[in-house]
Structures are given as structure tokens and as C-alpha cells.
Amino acid sequence: MLFLISACVGTTDTPTESQPSESEPLGWTAPEAGVVELETRDEVTLVADYYPLDVEGGPAVVLLHMTPAGGWNRTDWPSEFIEALNTGGMTVLNVDRRGSGDSEGRGADAFQGEKGRYDVEAAAVRLRDDGYGDLIIIGASNGTTSLLDYSAWAASESLPVPKAAVFMTGGPYTETQTEMSELPTMPVQFTYSTAERDWSEDQRALDPGTWLFSEYADGDHGTKMFEAEPTVTQDITGFLAGAL
């Protein structure tokens, strides 16, 4: 009788190799690629293309296109550039800023006042919550406005602070709400044509020693730079590889 009782006690609720414990962690799974929706804190729905890598804690890039008021949207980033970022080990979230493409909202709000930084916040929080690590932001033309506004504001809201940034043809519009002196210390690359060099060159006085100034004699404005100067893709991915 004692033997039978011991045998029953010994087999009750005991996990085996074929019966794992319910408390055993399942592990991290990369999110699915494709079109996703992001909700901003002021309840605007943004649409983005997601290119996630199966690397938990890996670096991730947010792309901010040129002005929504001018009809620009996420499709203006060349697929070859996004593929190069992926090949370099970086997840990519390519966002339609408010008022552009498939996103809701008013275009002017994307770069005037505080709402533009909400767009970047929605993307940065999505990447953080999905398990990615170092945040990189690449802004083109007017997209540099939201890049700067968010970067200077993020720490005060306990949000992900960028580890590196690329300003593609920044200008006086970049500092509409925020001055470049408020940008947190990080590696930064400025890409610009000789015809539009003045604002970028003026930033050299603020360089903490981690900024790269890339001037292209035959370059163009913002994302139009990729067609005018094909080496820009390699230059940016190379800079980011060194920065990270």
C-alpha cells in the first residue's frame, strides 16, 4: 500500500521532457513584415511599411520622408536603400507622416508645432515594444524637422533616444521649433549638395567630434539625392555601421 501511494505522489504534476512547464518562456519572435498601422498619442492613425529582421535587440531605422504638404510620402525612399539597410543588419520602419500617403491627419501638422514629433514617437515606441534596440532616424528635407523635434524631446518623456541620425538636406526649416544646439550628443551625418551646403556647413560649429559632413557637387535635394548620387546609399550605410 505504501508503495502504491508513493508511486502516485511521485507522478503527480511533474513536468517531463515531453510535457514542458507552463512557466517556461516561449522566447522572442520577430514581428511580421508588411504594411502596419501606428497610433499617435493624439489619435492619428499612421501607415508604415515594416521590414523587420529576426534579431532581438538589433538596431532599427525610422525613415521620415520630405514634406507632406508637397505630396511626398513613404514611397519616395528607394527600395534599394531599404534593402541596403536590412543587409547592414538594421530593421526598417518606413512611415507615411501625417497628412501624407495612406496616413490620417493634416500635412502641415507634421512639421509645425509639437504634433510632428508624435509621428516619430509612434514609430519609435513600436520598434521598442517589438524588441528592437538602438534607434536610428533618417530624415529627408522637411523630415529633418521632426527628426530634431523628437530627438530633443524624447528623454524628457522617457522615450527611446536616437543613437545616430542622418540629416538629408537640412535647412532653416529644420529648426522651426527646435535649435540644433538642443540635439542630444550622437553620431550624425549631414548629406547635402554643393548648391544647398550653407545650413549644413553652419552646423560644424556644434560638432562634438562625431559628425560627418558629406557634400555632393552634383547632388540633389532630400530623397532625390539617391538618383543624383548613387553612392549616397553606400555612404549612409557605411556611416551607420561605424556609428553603431
Protein backbone atom coordinates (compact mmCIF):
# COMPACT_ATOMS: atom_id res chain seq x y z
CA MET A 1 0.00 0.00 0.00
CA LEU A 2 2.80 2.46 0.86
CA PHE A 3 4.46 1.62 -2.41
CA LEU A 4 1.32 2.45 -4.39
CA ILE A 5 0.85 5.76 -2.54
CA SER A 6 4.48 6.74 -3.16
CA ALA A 7 4.16 5.90 -6.83
CA CYS A 8 1.05 8.07 -7.22
CA VAL A 9 2.61 11.02 -5.37
CA GLY A 10 5.75 10.75 -7.45
CA THR A 11 3.90 11.13 -10.77
CA THR A 12 1.50 13.96 -9.88
CA ASP A 13 2.08 17.32 -11.71
CA THR A 14 5.68 16.50 -12.54
CA PRO A 15 6.88 18.02 -15.86
CA THR A 16 8.71 15.70 -18.21
CA GLU A 17 10.71 16.37 -21.36
CA SER A 18 7.57 15.79 -23.42
CA GLN A 19 5.45 17.93 -21.08
CA PRO A 20 7.18 21.32 -20.54
CA SER A 21 6.27 23.54 -17.62
CA GLU A 22 3.69 26.25 -18.39
CA SER A 23 6.04 28.82 -16.84
CA GLU A 24 8.81 28.05 -19.33
CA PRO A 25 9.47 31.15 -21.52
CA LEU A 26 8.50 30.84 -25.16
CA GLY A 27 11.23 33.16 -26.44
CA TRP A 28 11.19 36.18 -28.77
CA THR A 29 9.60 36.11 -32.20
CA ALA A 30 10.25 38.74 -34.84
CA PRO A 31 7.19 40.72 -35.99
CA GLU A 32 5.73 40.12 -39.43
CA ALA A 33 6.83 42.23 -42.36
CA GLY A 34 4.34 44.27 -44.35
CA VAL A 35 2.06 47.27 -44.01
CA VAL A 36 1.31 48.24 -40.40
CA GLU A 37 -0.68 50.94 -38.61
CA LEU A 38 0.69 53.16 -35.86
CA GLU A 39 -1.44 55.17 -33.44
CA THR A 40 -0.11 58.55 -32.26
CA ARG A 41 -0.79 59.99 -28.81
CA ASP A 42 -3.26 62.44 -30.38
CA GLU A 43 -5.11 59.52 -32.01
CA VAL A 44 -3.97 59.90 -35.60
CA THR A 45 -3.51 56.63 -37.49
CA LEU A 46 -0.29 56.42 -39.49
CA VAL A 47 0.57 53.77 -42.08
CA ALA A 48 4.07 52.37 -42.49
CA ASP A 49 5.99 49.66 -44.32
CA TYR A 50 7.76 47.32 -41.90
CA TYR A 51 10.97 45.49 -42.79
CA PRO A 52 11.87 43.64 -39.57
CA LEU A 53 14.91 41.44 -39.06
CA ASP A 54 14.95 38.36 -36.86
CA VAL A 55 17.47 39.94 -34.47
CA GLU A 56 16.19 40.67 -30.98
CA GLY A 57 17.70 43.89 -29.64
CA GLY A 58 19.10 44.80 -33.05
CA PRO A 59 19.26 48.36 -34.39
CA ALA A 60 16.21 49.82 -36.13
CA VAL A 61 15.75 52.75 -38.51
CA VAL A 62 12.80 55.15 -38.82
CA LEU A 63 12.58 56.86 -42.21
CA LEU A 64 10.98 60.33 -42.37
CA HIS A 65 10.23 61.47 -45.92
CA MET A 66 10.07 65.02 -47.30
CA THR A 67 7.20 67.44 -46.67
CA PRO A 68 3.67 66.01 -46.63
CA ALA A 69 2.46 69.41 -47.80
CA GLY A 70 4.31 68.82 -51.07
CA GLY A 71 2.84 65.41 -51.80
CA TRP A 72 5.86 63.40 -50.67
CA ASN A 73 5.33 60.06 -48.92
CA ARG A 74 7.00 56.84 -47.87
CA THR A 75 7.28 55.54 -51.44
CA ASP A 76 9.96 58.15 -52.13
CA TRP A 77 12.56 56.10 -50.28
CA PRO A 78 14.21 53.79 -52.85
CA SER A 79 13.70 50.08 -52.25
CA GLU A 80 17.43 49.58 -52.89
CA PHE A 81 18.24 51.85 -49.96
CA ILE A 82 15.90 49.97 -47.63
CA GLU A 83 17.40 46.66 -48.76
CA ALA A 84 20.88 48.03 -48.07
CA LEU A 85 19.85 48.98 -44.52
CA ASN A 86 18.46 45.47 -43.98
CA THR A 87 21.63 43.93 -45.39
CA GLY A 88 23.57 46.06 -42.93
CA GLY A 89 21.66 44.45 -40.04
CA MET A 90 19.08 47.18 -39.48
CA THR A 91 15.32 46.73 -39.20
CA VAL A 92 13.43 49.48 -41.08
CA LEU A 93 10.11 51.21 -40.39
CA ASN A 94 9.19 53.49 -43.32
CA VAL A 95 6.41 55.84 -42.19
CA ASP A 96 3.86 57.95 -44.03
CA ARG A 97 3.96 61.08 -41.91
CA ARG A 98 0.60 62.56 -41.00
CA GLY A 99 -1.22 64.10 -43.92
CA SER A 100 0.71 62.05 -46.50
CA GLY A 101 0.24 58.79 -48.37
CA ASP A 102 -2.12 56.47 -46.52
CA SER A 103 -1.89 58.23 -43.15
CA GLU A 104 -4.54 60.35 -41.50
CA GLY A 105 -4.07 63.93 -40.34
CA ARG A 106 -3.18 67.32 -41.75
CA GLY A 107 0.09 67.67 -43.63
CA ALA A 108 1.12 70.97 -42.07
CA ASP A 109 0.89 69.42 -38.60
CA ALA A 110 3.75 67.10 -39.48
CA PHE A 111 6.27 69.92 -39.28
CA GLN A 112 4.57 72.84 -37.50
CA GLY A 113 4.27 72.55 -33.72
CA GLU A 114 4.54 69.53 -31.50
CA LYS A 115 2.46 67.03 -33.49
CA GLY A 116 5.24 66.10 -35.88
CA ARG A 117 7.25 64.57 -33.07
CA TYR A 118 4.22 62.42 -32.18
CA ASP A 119 4.61 60.68 -35.54
CA VAL A 120 8.21 59.77 -34.71
CA GLU A 121 7.20 58.71 -31.20
CA ALA A 122 4.63 56.24 -32.56
CA ALA A 123 7.30 54.62 -34.74
CA ALA A 124 9.99 54.58 -32.04
CA VAL A 125 7.65 53.06 -29.46
CA ARG A 126 6.54 50.37 -31.91
CA LEU A 127 10.14 49.36 -32.52
CA ARG A 128 10.93 49.37 -28.80
CA ASP A 129 7.86 47.32 -27.93
CA ASP A 130 8.69 44.83 -30.68
CA GLY A 131 12.03 44.15 -29.00
CA TYR A 132 14.47 46.17 -31.08
CA GLY A 133 17.36 48.15 -29.63
CA ASP A 134 19.35 51.15 -30.89
CA LEU A 135 17.12 53.68 -32.66
CA ILE A 136 18.31 55.48 -35.80
CA ILE A 137 16.35 58.23 -37.52
CA ILE A 138 16.92 59.34 -41.11
CA GLY A 139 15.09 62.50 -42.17
CA ALA A 140 14.93 63.97 -45.66
CA SER A 141 14.45 67.70 -46.18
CA ASN A 142 11.44 68.71 -44.07
CA GLY A 143 11.66 65.30 -42.38
CA THR A 144 14.70 66.63 -40.55
CA THR A 145 12.34 68.96 -38.65
CA SER A 146 10.54 66.07 -36.95
CA LEU A 147 13.85 64.25 -36.52
CA LEU A 148 15.24 67.16 -34.49
CA ASP A 149 11.98 67.91 -32.63
CA TYR A 150 11.66 64.30 -31.46
CA SER A 151 15.33 63.78 -30.62
CA ALA A 152 15.47 66.83 -28.34
CA TRP A 153 12.21 65.85 -26.61
CA ALA A 154 12.45 62.07 -26.22
CA ALA A 155 14.45 61.86 -22.99
CA SER A 156 12.02 64.11 -21.11
CA GLU A 157 9.21 61.66 -21.98
CA SER A 158 11.26 58.51 -21.22
CA LEU A 159 11.09 57.58 -24.91
CA PRO A 160 13.82 55.93 -26.99
CA VAL A 161 16.55 58.46 -27.74
CA PRO A 162 18.25 58.02 -31.13
CA LYS A 163 21.73 56.56 -31.13
CA ALA A 164 22.50 58.06 -34.54
CA ALA A 165 20.82 60.26 -37.14
CA VAL A 166 21.13 61.34 -40.76
CA PHE A 167 20.04 64.78 -41.95
CA MET A 168 19.49 64.64 -45.72
CA THR A 169 19.45 68.29 -46.84
CA GLY A 170 18.61 70.05 -43.63
CA GLY A 171 17.89 73.76 -43.76
CA PRO A 172 16.48 76.65 -41.73
CA TYR A 173 13.15 74.74 -41.71
CA THR A 174 14.87 72.04 -39.66
CA GLU A 175 14.99 74.44 -36.70
CA THR A 176 11.40 75.73 -36.94
CA GLN A 177 10.61 74.54 -33.39
CA THR A 178 13.96 73.31 -32.05
CA GLU A 179 17.53 74.57 -32.37
CA MET A 180 20.30 72.20 -33.38
CA SER A 181 22.10 73.02 -30.14
CA GLU A 182 19.35 71.01 -28.39
CA LEU A 183 20.17 67.80 -30.26
CA PRO A 184 21.50 65.11 -27.89
CA THR A 185 25.10 64.08 -28.43
CA MET A 186 25.22 61.29 -31.00
CA PRO A 187 26.89 60.43 -34.32
CA VAL A 188 25.25 62.46 -37.10
CA GLN A 189 25.72 62.50 -40.85
CA PHE A 190 24.75 65.50 -42.96
CA THR A 191 24.25 64.84 -46.68
CA TYR A 192 23.77 67.82 -48.99
CA SER A 193 24.52 69.16 -52.44
CA THR A 194 27.01 71.92 -53.00
CA ALA A 195 24.11 74.14 -54.08
CA GLU A 196 22.49 73.74 -50.64
CA ARG A 197 25.53 73.48 -48.42
CA ASP A 198 25.14 76.62 -46.28
CA TRP A 199 22.92 75.37 -43.45
CA SER A 200 24.73 72.04 -43.07
CA GLU A 201 28.14 73.70 -43.11
CA ASP A 202 26.97 76.15 -40.44
CA GLN A 203 26.47 73.20 -38.08
CA ARG A 204 30.19 72.44 -37.94
CA ALA A 205 30.48 74.85 -35.01
CA LEU A 206 28.34 72.44 -32.94
CA ASP A 207 30.15 69.25 -33.96
CA PRO A 208 31.07 67.26 -30.81
CA GLY A 209 33.55 65.27 -32.85
CA THR A 210 31.14 62.55 -34.04
CA TRP A 211 29.54 64.32 -37.01
CA LEU A 212 30.22 63.57 -40.67
CA PHE A 213 29.64 66.18 -43.39
CA SER A 214 29.06 64.61 -46.82
CA GLU A 215 28.86 67.13 -49.66
CA TYR A 216 27.98 66.13 -53.23
CA ALA A 217 28.80 68.51 -56.06
CA ASP A 218 26.15 67.00 -58.33
CA GLY A 219 23.71 66.11 -55.57
CA ASP A 220 20.03 66.96 -55.24
CA HIS A 221 17.50 67.69 -52.50
CA GLY A 222 16.39 65.17 -49.84
CA THR A 223 15.48 61.73 -51.20
CA LYS A 224 16.16 62.95 -54.75
CA MET A 225 19.83 62.63 -53.75
CA PHE A 226 19.70 58.84 -54.27
CA GLU A 227 19.15 59.18 -58.02
CA ALA A 228 21.54 62.09 -58.44
CA GLU A 229 24.35 60.45 -56.45
CA PRO A 230 24.02 56.62 -56.23
CA THR A 231 27.00 56.46 -53.83
CA VAL A 232 24.82 58.05 -51.12
CA THR A 233 23.34 54.66 -50.21
CA GLN A 234 26.77 53.17 -49.55
CA ASP A 235 27.92 56.32 -47.74
CA ILE A 236 24.96 56.32 -45.33
CA THR A 237 25.05 52.58 -44.57
CA GLY A 238 28.78 52.80 -44.05
CA PHE A 239 28.39 55.70 -41.67
CA LEU A 240 25.74 53.89 -39.65
CA ALA A 241 27.82 50.73 -39.46
CA GLY A 242 30.62 52.76 -37.91
CA ALA A 243 28.30 54.71 -35.64
CA LEU A 244 26.76 51.55 -34.16
